[in-house]
Amino acid sequence: MLTQRTNVLFSPYEYSELLALTAKSGQTMGELIRQAVRKTYKIKAPVQKKAGSFQETMRRIRQLTRDVNMSGVNYRDLVIEGRRYE
């Protein structure tokens, strides 16, 4: 899970090259930059526990939320509330 944020300034040339790489590779700019940092500084990504299948995860979510009524929920307020704990 990604939890840390930073801002990086690029020259117009560097930025256009990164945009071209994102189009060519299908990866996001963030993914390309993280990959470059890991490769350049030889940082190994931690091994993540393998979760169950997507279908199993969705089945479990449906099971846990079947009696939850979300009508009338203001999602914007939920997002703002959640950001207090970042």
PDB file of N, CA and C in Angstrom:
ATOM      1  N   MET A   1       0.840  -1.170   0.000  1.00  0.00           N
ATOM      2  CA  MET A   1       0.000   0.000   0.000  1.00  0.00           C
ATOM      3  C   MET A   1       0.887   1.236   0.000  1.00  0.00           C
ATOM      4  N   LEU A   2       0.563   2.159  -0.850  1.00  0.00           N
ATOM      5  CA  LEU A   2       1.329   3.394  -0.929  1.00  0.00           C
ATOM      6  C   LEU A   2       0.766   4.398   0.064  1.00  0.00           C
ATOM      7  N   THR A   3       1.636   4.940   0.924  1.00  0.00           N
ATOM      8  CA  THR A   3       1.153   5.860   1.954  1.00  0.00           C
ATOM      9  C   THR A   3       1.923   7.170   2.018  1.00  0.00           C
ATOM     10  N   GLN A   4       3.038   7.250   1.344  1.00  0.00           N
ATOM     11  CA  GLN A   4       3.858   8.458   1.416  1.00  0.00           C
ATOM     12  C   GLN A   4       3.798   9.207   0.094  1.00  0.00           C
ATOM     13  N   ARG A   5       3.765  10.522   0.171  1.00  0.00           N
ATOM     14  CA  ARG A   5       3.644  11.344  -1.027  1.00  0.00           C
ATOM     15  C   ARG A   5       4.797  12.351  -1.062  1.00  0.00           C
ATOM     16  N   THR A   6       5.249  12.645  -2.273  1.00  0.00           N
ATOM     17  CA  THR A   6       6.256  13.678  -2.464  1.00  0.00           C
ATOM     18  C   THR A   6       5.981  14.378  -3.780  1.00  0.00           C
ATOM     19  N   ASN A   7       6.524  15.562  -3.941  1.00  0.00           N
ATOM     20  CA  ASN A   7       6.417  16.301  -5.199  1.00  0.00           C
ATOM     21  C   ASN A   7       7.790  16.371  -5.836  1.00  0.00           C
ATOM     22  N   VAL A   8       7.834  16.164  -7.131  1.00  0.00           N
ATOM     23  CA  VAL A   8       9.088  16.216  -7.875  1.00  0.00           C
ATOM     24  C   VAL A   8       8.879  17.135  -9.067  1.00  0.00           C
ATOM     25  N   LEU A   9       9.803  18.045  -9.273  1.00  0.00           N
ATOM     26  CA  LEU A   9       9.731  18.943 -10.423  1.00  0.00           C
ATOM     27  C   LEU A   9      10.645  18.415 -11.522  1.00  0.00           C
ATOM     28  N   PHE A  10      10.140  18.405 -12.755  1.00  0.00           N
ATOM     29  CA  PHE A  10      10.892  17.958 -13.910  1.00  0.00           C
ATOM     30  C   PHE A  10      11.009  19.088 -14.914  1.00  0.00           C
ATOM     31  N   SER A  11      12.050  19.025 -15.711  1.00  0.00           N
ATOM     32  CA  SER A  11      12.159  19.959 -16.830  1.00  0.00           C
ATOM     33  C   SER A  11      11.092  19.566 -17.852  1.00  0.00           C
ATOM     34  N   PRO A  12      10.721  20.473 -18.742  1.00  0.00           N
ATOM     35  CA  PRO A  12       9.739  20.113 -19.770  1.00  0.00           C
ATOM     36  C   PRO A  12      10.175  18.892 -20.591  1.00  0.00           C
ATOM     37  N   TYR A  13      11.468  18.794 -20.872  1.00  0.00           N
ATOM     38  CA  TYR A  13      11.968  17.660 -21.646  1.00  0.00           C
ATOM     39  C   TYR A  13      11.813  16.355 -20.869  1.00  0.00           C
ATOM     40  N   GLU A  14      12.225  16.354 -19.592  1.00  0.00           N
ATOM     41  CA  GLU A  14      12.103  15.144 -18.777  1.00  0.00           C
ATOM     42  C   GLU A  14      10.640  14.713 -18.660  1.00  0.00           C
ATOM     43  N   TYR A  15       9.772  15.691 -18.460  1.00  0.00           N
ATOM     44  CA  TYR A  15       8.353  15.382 -18.307  1.00  0.00           C
ATOM     45  C   TYR A  15       7.776  14.785 -19.588  1.00  0.00           C
ATOM     46  N   SER A  16       8.136  15.358 -20.721  1.00  0.00           N
ATOM     47  CA  SER A  16       7.610  14.821 -21.985  1.00  0.00           C
ATOM     48  C   SER A  16       8.152  13.412 -22.246  1.00  0.00           C
ATOM     49  N   GLU A  17       9.393  13.153 -21.858  1.00  0.00           N
ATOM     50  CA  GLU A  17       9.952  11.807 -22.001  1.00  0.00           C
ATOM     51  C   GLU A  17       9.209  10.814 -21.102  1.00  0.00           C
ATOM     52  N   LEU A  18       8.908  11.236 -19.880  1.00  0.00           N
ATOM     53  CA  LEU A  18       8.153  10.367 -18.980  1.00  0.00           C
ATOM     54  C   LEU A  18       6.751  10.101 -19.522  1.00  0.00           C
ATOM     55  N   LEU A  19       6.110  11.120 -20.080  1.00  0.00           N
ATOM     56  CA  LEU A  19       4.787  10.930 -20.673  1.00  0.00           C
ATOM     57  C   LEU A  19       4.847   9.917 -21.815  1.00  0.00           C
ATOM     58  N   ALA A  20       5.875  10.026 -22.631  1.00  0.00           N
ATOM     59  CA  ALA A  20       6.031   9.075 -23.736  1.00  0.00           C
ATOM     60  C   ALA A  20       6.239   7.661 -23.203  1.00  0.00           C
ATOM     61  N   LEU A  21       7.024   7.533 -22.140  1.00  0.00           N
ATOM     62  CA  LEU A  21       7.249   6.209 -21.543  1.00  0.00           C
ATOM     63  C   LEU A  21       5.968   5.633 -20.950  1.00  0.00           C
ATOM     64  N   THR A  22       5.140   6.478 -20.354  1.00  0.00           N
ATOM     65  CA  THR A  22       3.888   5.978 -19.792  1.00  0.00           C
ATOM     66  C   THR A  22       2.977   5.457 -20.904  1.00  0.00           C
ATOM     67  N   ALA A  23       2.939   6.173 -22.008  1.00  0.00           N
ATOM     68  CA  ALA A  23       2.104   5.740 -23.135  1.00  0.00           C
ATOM     69  C   ALA A  23       2.623   4.428 -23.718  1.00  0.00           C
ATOM     70  N   LYS A  24       3.937   4.321 -23.819  1.00  0.00           N
ATOM     71  CA  LYS A  24       4.547   3.130 -24.412  1.00  0.00           C
ATOM     72  C   LYS A  24       4.410   1.899 -23.501  1.00  0.00           C
ATOM     73  N   SER A  25       4.593   2.108 -22.197  1.00  0.00           N
ATOM     74  CA  SER A  25       4.622   0.976 -21.266  1.00  0.00           C
ATOM     75  C   SER A  25       3.252   0.629 -20.686  1.00  0.00           C
ATOM     76  N   GLY A  26       2.340   1.601 -20.700  1.00  0.00           N
ATOM     77  CA  GLY A  26       1.043   1.369 -20.080  1.00  0.00           C
ATOM     78  C   GLY A  26       1.070   1.518 -18.570  1.00  0.00           C
ATOM     79  N   GLN A  27       2.194   1.973 -18.023  1.00  0.00           N
ATOM     80  CA  GLN A  27       2.313   2.183 -16.584  1.00  0.00           C
ATOM     81  C   GLN A  27       2.039   3.656 -16.272  1.00  0.00           C
ATOM     82  N   THR A  28       1.714   3.930 -15.023  1.00  0.00           N
ATOM     83  CA  THR A  28       1.541   5.319 -14.614  1.00  0.00           C
ATOM     84  C   THR A  28       2.915   5.949 -14.408  1.00  0.00           C
ATOM     85  N   MET A  29       2.932   7.271 -14.357  1.00  0.00           N
ATOM     86  CA  MET A  29       4.186   7.963 -14.125  1.00  0.00           C
ATOM     87  C   MET A  29       4.756   7.595 -12.753  1.00  0.00           C
ATOM     88  N   GLY A  30       3.883   7.478 -11.760  1.00  0.00           N
ATOM     89  CA  GLY A  30       4.329   7.085 -10.425  1.00  0.00           C
ATOM     90  C   GLY A  30       4.981   5.708 -10.424  1.00  0.00           C
ATOM     91  N   GLU A  31       4.376   4.764 -11.159  1.00  0.00           N
ATOM     92  CA  GLU A  31       4.951   3.418 -11.240  1.00  0.00           C
ATOM     93  C   GLU A  31       6.329   3.453 -11.878  1.00  0.00           C
ATOM     94  N   LEU A  32       6.472   4.234 -12.946  1.00  0.00           N
ATOM     95  CA  LEU A  32       7.775   4.338 -13.609  1.00  0.00           C
ATOM     96  C   LEU A  32       8.823   4.932 -12.677  1.00  0.00           C
ATOM     97  N   ILE A  33       8.445   5.969 -11.942  1.00  0.00           N
ATOM     98  CA  ILE A  33       9.400   6.626 -11.044  1.00  0.00           C
ATOM     99  C   ILE A  33       9.780   5.696  -9.901  1.00  0.00           C
ATOM    100  N   ARG A  34       8.786   5.005  -9.304  1.00  0.00           N
ATOM    101  CA  ARG A  34       9.113   4.063  -8.224  1.00  0.00           C
ATOM    102  C   ARG A  34      10.019   2.942  -8.722  1.00  0.00           C
ATOM    103  N   GLN A  35       9.743   2.454  -9.929  1.00  0.00           N
ATOM    104  CA  GLN A  35      10.569   1.403 -10.520  1.00  0.00           C
ATOM    105  C   GLN A  35      12.006   1.901 -10.717  1.00  0.00           C
ATOM    106  N   ALA A  36      12.159   3.127 -11.204  1.00  0.00           N
ATOM    107  CA  ALA A  36      13.495   3.697 -11.423  1.00  0.00           C
ATOM    108  C   ALA A  36      14.244   3.872 -10.102  1.00  0.00           C
ATOM    109  N   VAL A  37      13.534   4.305  -9.067  1.00  0.00           N
ATOM    110  CA  VAL A  37      14.172   4.477  -7.751  1.00  0.00           C
ATOM    111  C   VAL A  37      14.646   3.128  -7.223  1.00  0.00           C
ATOM    112  N   ARG A  38      13.778   2.101  -7.321  1.00  0.00           N
ATOM    113  CA  ARG A  38      14.180   0.771  -6.839  1.00  0.00           C
ATOM    114  C   ARG A  38      15.383   0.245  -7.605  1.00  0.00           C
ATOM    115  N   LYS A  39      15.384   0.442  -8.916  1.00  0.00           N
ATOM    116  CA  LYS A  39      16.485  -0.060  -9.737  1.00  0.00           C
ATOM    117  C   LYS A  39      17.767   0.722  -9.478  1.00  0.00           C
ATOM    118  N   THR A  40      17.675   2.046  -9.437  1.00  0.00           N
ATOM    119  CA  THR A  40      18.864   2.896  -9.261  1.00  0.00           C
ATOM    120  C   THR A  40      19.515   2.688  -7.900  1.00  0.00           C
ATOM    121  N   TYR A  41      18.683   2.619  -6.853  1.00  0.00           N
ATOM    122  CA  TYR A  41      19.220   2.534  -5.499  1.00  0.00           C
ATOM    123  C   TYR A  41      19.151   1.123  -4.925  1.00  0.00           C
ATOM    124  N   LYS A  42      18.831   0.157  -5.796  1.00  0.00           N
ATOM    125  CA  LYS A  42      18.801  -1.257  -5.418  1.00  0.00           C
ATOM    126  C   LYS A  42      17.951  -1.500  -4.169  1.00  0.00           C
ATOM    127  N   ILE A  43      16.750  -0.934  -4.199  1.00  0.00           N
ATOM    128  CA  ILE A  43      15.793  -1.110  -3.108  1.00  0.00           C
ATOM    129  C   ILE A  43      14.880  -2.265  -3.479  1.00  0.00           C
ATOM    130  N   LYS A  44      14.802  -3.230  -2.593  1.00  0.00           N
ATOM    131  CA  LYS A  44      13.927  -4.369  -2.842  1.00  0.00           C
ATOM    132  C   LYS A  44      12.559  -4.078  -2.246  1.00  0.00           C
ATOM    133  N   ALA A  45      11.529  -4.319  -3.031  1.00  0.00           N
ATOM    134  CA  ALA A  45      10.165  -4.150  -2.542  1.00  0.00           C
ATOM    135  C   ALA A  45       9.885  -5.252  -1.534  1.00  0.00           C
ATOM    136  N   PRO A  46       9.199  -4.936  -0.448  1.00  0.00           N
ATOM    137  CA  PRO A  46       8.887  -5.977   0.531  1.00  0.00           C
ATOM    138  C   PRO A  46       7.952  -7.019  -0.081  1.00  0.00           C
ATOM    139  N   VAL A  47       8.091  -8.224   0.376  1.00  0.00           N
ATOM    140  CA  VAL A  47       7.238  -9.300  -0.107  1.00  0.00           C
ATOM    141  C   VAL A  47       5.854  -9.119   0.508  1.00  0.00           C
ATOM    142  N   GLN A  48       4.849  -9.068  -0.347  1.00  0.00           N
ATOM    143  CA  GLN A  48       3.495  -8.896   0.138  1.00  0.00           C
ATOM    144  C   GLN A  48       2.796 -10.240   0.211  1.00  0.00           C
ATOM    145  N   LYS A  49       1.961 -10.371   1.214  1.00  0.00           N
ATOM    146  CA  LYS A  49       1.190 -11.600   1.336  1.00  0.00           C
ATOM    147  C   LYS A  49       0.228 -11.681   0.162  1.00  0.00           C
ATOM    148  N   LYS A  50       0.124 -12.845  -0.401  1.00  0.00           N
ATOM    149  CA  LYS A  50      -0.778 -13.052  -1.518  1.00  0.00           C
ATOM    150  C   LYS A  50      -2.199 -13.180  -0.992  1.00  0.00           C
ATOM    151  N   ALA A  51      -3.043 -12.328  -1.489  1.00  0.00           N
ATOM    152  CA  ALA A  51      -4.445 -12.374  -1.081  1.00  0.00           C
ATOM    153  C   ALA A  51      -5.154 -13.473  -1.860  1.00  0.00           C
ATOM    154  N   GLY A  52      -6.369 -13.745  -1.473  1.00  0.00           N
ATOM    155  CA  GLY A  52      -7.174 -14.717  -2.196  1.00  0.00           C
ATOM    156  C   GLY A  52      -7.521 -14.176  -3.571  1.00  0.00           C
ATOM    157  N   SER A  53      -8.283 -14.925  -4.296  1.00  0.00           N
ATOM    158  CA  SER A  53      -8.666 -14.508  -5.632  1.00  0.00           C
ATOM    159  C   SER A  53      -9.567 -13.292  -5.578  1.00  0.00           C
ATOM    160  N   PHE A  54      -9.624 -12.575  -6.677  1.00  0.00           N
ATOM    161  CA  PHE A  54     -10.477 -11.401  -6.773  1.00  0.00           C
ATOM    162  C   PHE A  54     -11.928 -11.792  -6.520  1.00  0.00           C
ATOM    163  N   GLN A  55     -12.340 -12.892  -7.116  1.00  0.00           N
ATOM    164  CA  GLN A  55     -13.722 -13.338  -6.952  1.00  0.00           C
ATOM    165  C   GLN A  55     -14.020 -13.641  -5.482  1.00  0.00           C
ATOM    166  N   GLU A  56     -13.097 -14.279  -4.803  1.00  0.00           N
ATOM    167  CA  GLU A  56     -13.286 -14.584  -3.388  1.00  0.00           C
ATOM    168  C   GLU A  56     -13.362 -13.304  -2.564  1.00  0.00           C
ATOM    169  N   THR A  57     -12.523 -12.342  -2.887  1.00  0.00           N
ATOM    170  CA  THR A  57     -12.540 -11.062  -2.185  1.00  0.00           C
ATOM    171  C   THR A  57     -13.877 -10.361  -2.378  1.00  0.00           C
ATOM    172  N   MET A  58     -14.371 -10.331  -3.612  1.00  0.00           N
ATOM    173  CA  MET A  58     -15.651  -9.691  -3.888  1.00  0.00           C
ATOM    174  C   MET A  58     -16.792 -10.433  -3.189  1.00  0.00           C
ATOM    175  N   ARG A  59     -16.738 -11.757  -3.163  1.00  0.00           N
ATOM    176  CA  ARG A  59     -17.761 -12.535  -2.465  1.00  0.00           C
ATOM    177  C   ARG A  59     -17.793 -12.167  -0.987  1.00  0.00           C
ATOM    178  N   ARG A  60     -16.610 -12.036  -0.402  1.00  0.00           N
ATOM    179  CA  ARG A  60     -16.510 -11.688   1.027  1.00  0.00           C
ATOM    180  C   ARG A  60     -17.025 -10.275   1.289  1.00  0.00           C
ATOM    181  N   ILE A  61     -16.719  -9.344   0.417  1.00  0.00           N
ATOM    182  CA  ILE A  61     -17.216  -7.965   0.574  1.00  0.00           C
ATOM    183  C   ILE A  61     -18.737  -7.951   0.497  1.00  0.00           C
ATOM    184  N   ARG A  62     -19.285  -8.645  -0.483  1.00  0.00           N
ATOM    185  CA  ARG A  62     -20.750  -8.711  -0.605  1.00  0.00           C
ATOM    186  C   ARG A  62     -21.376  -9.329   0.641  1.00  0.00           C
ATOM    187  N   GLN A  63     -20.734 -10.354   1.170  1.00  0.00           N
ATOM    188  CA  GLN A  63     -21.240 -11.025   2.363  1.00  0.00           C
ATOM    189  C   GLN A  63     -21.230 -10.063   3.558  1.00  0.00           C
ATOM    190  N   LEU A  64     -20.151  -9.324   3.716  1.00  0.00           N
ATOM    191  CA  LEU A  64     -20.025  -8.429   4.863  1.00  0.00           C
ATOM    192  C   LEU A  64     -20.933  -7.204   4.770  1.00  0.00           C
ATOM    193  N   THR A  65     -21.310  -6.818   3.555  1.00  0.00           N
ATOM    194  CA  THR A  65     -22.081  -5.587   3.378  1.00  0.00           C
ATOM    195  C   THR A  65     -23.524  -5.824   2.950  1.00  0.00           C
ATOM    196  N   ARG A  66     -23.989  -7.048   2.978  1.00  0.00           N
ATOM    197  CA  ARG A  66     -25.338  -7.345   2.451  1.00  0.00           C
ATOM    198  C   ARG A  66     -26.436  -6.639   3.229  1.00  0.00           C
ATOM    199  N   ASP A  67     -26.258  -6.377   4.504  1.00  0.00           N
ATOM    200  CA  ASP A  67     -27.295  -5.725   5.308  1.00  0.00           C
ATOM    201  C   ASP A  67     -27.023  -4.234   5.517  1.00  0.00           C
ATOM    202  N   VAL A  68     -26.057  -3.693   4.810  1.00  0.00           N
ATOM    203  CA  VAL A  68     -25.701  -2.288   4.964  1.00  0.00           C
ATOM    204  C   VAL A  68     -26.471  -1.454   3.951  1.00  0.00           C
ATOM    205  N   ASN A  69     -27.167  -0.438   4.444  1.00  0.00           N
ATOM    206  CA  ASN A  69     -27.924   0.461   3.574  1.00  0.00           C
ATOM    207  C   ASN A  69     -27.085   1.712   3.357  1.00  0.00           C
ATOM    208  N   MET A  70     -26.607   1.904   2.127  1.00  0.00           N
ATOM    209  CA  MET A  70     -25.743   3.044   1.816  1.00  0.00           C
ATOM    210  C   MET A  70     -26.502   4.164   1.110  1.00  0.00           C
ATOM    211  N   SER A  71     -27.825   4.064   1.000  1.00  0.00           N
ATOM    212  CA  SER A  71     -28.577   5.127   0.338  1.00  0.00           C
ATOM    213  C   SER A  71     -28.517   6.379   1.203  1.00  0.00           C
ATOM    214  N   GLY A  72     -28.325   7.498   0.552  1.00  0.00           N
ATOM    215  CA  GLY A  72     -28.261   8.775   1.254  1.00  0.00           C
ATOM    216  C   GLY A  72     -26.914   9.086   1.866  1.00  0.00           C
ATOM    217  N   VAL A  73     -25.912   8.253   1.622  1.00  0.00           N
ATOM    218  CA  VAL A  73     -24.581   8.493   2.182  1.00  0.00           C
ATOM    219  C   VAL A  73     -23.878   9.575   1.369  1.00  0.00           C
ATOM    220  N   ASN A  74     -23.271  10.526   2.056  1.00  0.00           N
ATOM    221  CA  ASN A  74     -22.520  11.582   1.397  1.00  0.00           C
ATOM    222  C   ASN A  74     -21.058  11.135   1.343  1.00  0.00           C
ATOM    223  N   TYR A  75     -20.639  10.632   0.186  1.00  0.00           N
ATOM    224  CA  TYR A  75     -19.297  10.062   0.043  1.00  0.00           C
ATOM    225  C   TYR A  75     -18.205  11.113   0.206  1.00  0.00           C
ATOM    226  N   ARG A  76     -18.492  12.342  -0.204  1.00  0.00           N
ATOM    227  CA  ARG A  76     -17.512  13.427  -0.054  1.00  0.00           C
ATOM    228  C   ARG A  76     -17.176  13.628   1.425  1.00  0.00           C
ATOM    229  N   ASP A  77     -18.208  13.646   2.268  1.00  0.00           N
ATOM    230  CA  ASP A  77     -17.977  13.796   3.707  1.00  0.00           C
ATOM    231  C   ASP A  77     -17.177  12.626   4.272  1.00  0.00           C
ATOM    232  N   LEU A  78     -17.440  11.419   3.778  1.00  0.00           N
ATOM    233  CA  LEU A  78     -16.677  10.253   4.231  1.00  0.00           C
ATOM    234  C   LEU A  78     -15.201  10.375   3.860  1.00  0.00           C
ATOM    235  N   VAL A  79     -14.926  10.848   2.651  1.00  0.00           N
ATOM    236  CA  VAL A  79     -13.542  11.017   2.215  1.00  0.00           C
ATOM    237  C   VAL A  79     -12.843  12.063   3.070  1.00  0.00           C
ATOM    238  N   ILE A  80     -13.503  13.195   3.297  1.00  0.00           N
ATOM    239  CA  ILE A  80     -12.916  14.260   4.125  1.00  0.00           C
ATOM    240  C   ILE A  80     -12.648  13.746   5.529  1.00  0.00           C
ATOM    241  N   GLU A  81     -13.596  13.015   6.091  1.00  0.00           N
ATOM    242  CA  GLU A  81     -13.416  12.444   7.427  1.00  0.00           C
ATOM    243  C   GLU A  81     -12.231  11.477   7.452  1.00  0.00           C
ATOM    244  N   GLY A  82     -12.125  10.639   6.436  1.00  0.00           N
ATOM    245  CA  GLY A  82     -11.029   9.677   6.383  1.00  0.00           C
ATOM    246  C   GLY A  82      -9.666  10.331   6.285  1.00  0.00           C
ATOM    247  N   ARG A  83      -9.590  11.471   5.622  1.00  0.00           N
ATOM    248  CA  ARG A  83      -8.309  12.168   5.457  1.00  0.00           C
ATOM    249  C   ARG A  83      -7.773  12.723   6.772  1.00  0.00           C
ATOM    250  N   ARG A  84      -8.620  12.877   7.766  1.00  0.00           N
ATOM    251  CA  ARG A  84      -8.156  13.347   9.072  1.00  0.00           C
ATOM    252  C   ARG A  84      -7.173  12.386   9.713  1.00  0.00           C
ATOM    253  N   TYR A  85      -7.239  11.131   9.301  1.00  0.00           N
ATOM    254  CA  TYR A  85      -6.433  10.092   9.954  1.00  0.00           C
ATOM    255  C   TYR A  85      -5.225   9.671   9.136  1.00  0.00           C
ATOM    256  N   GLU A  86      -4.896  10.419   8.090  1.00  0.00           N
ATOM    257  CA  GLU A  86      -3.718  10.082   7.273  1.00  0.00           C
ATOM    258  C   GLU A  86      -2.454  10.417   7.995  1.00  0.00           C
TER     259      GLU A  86
END
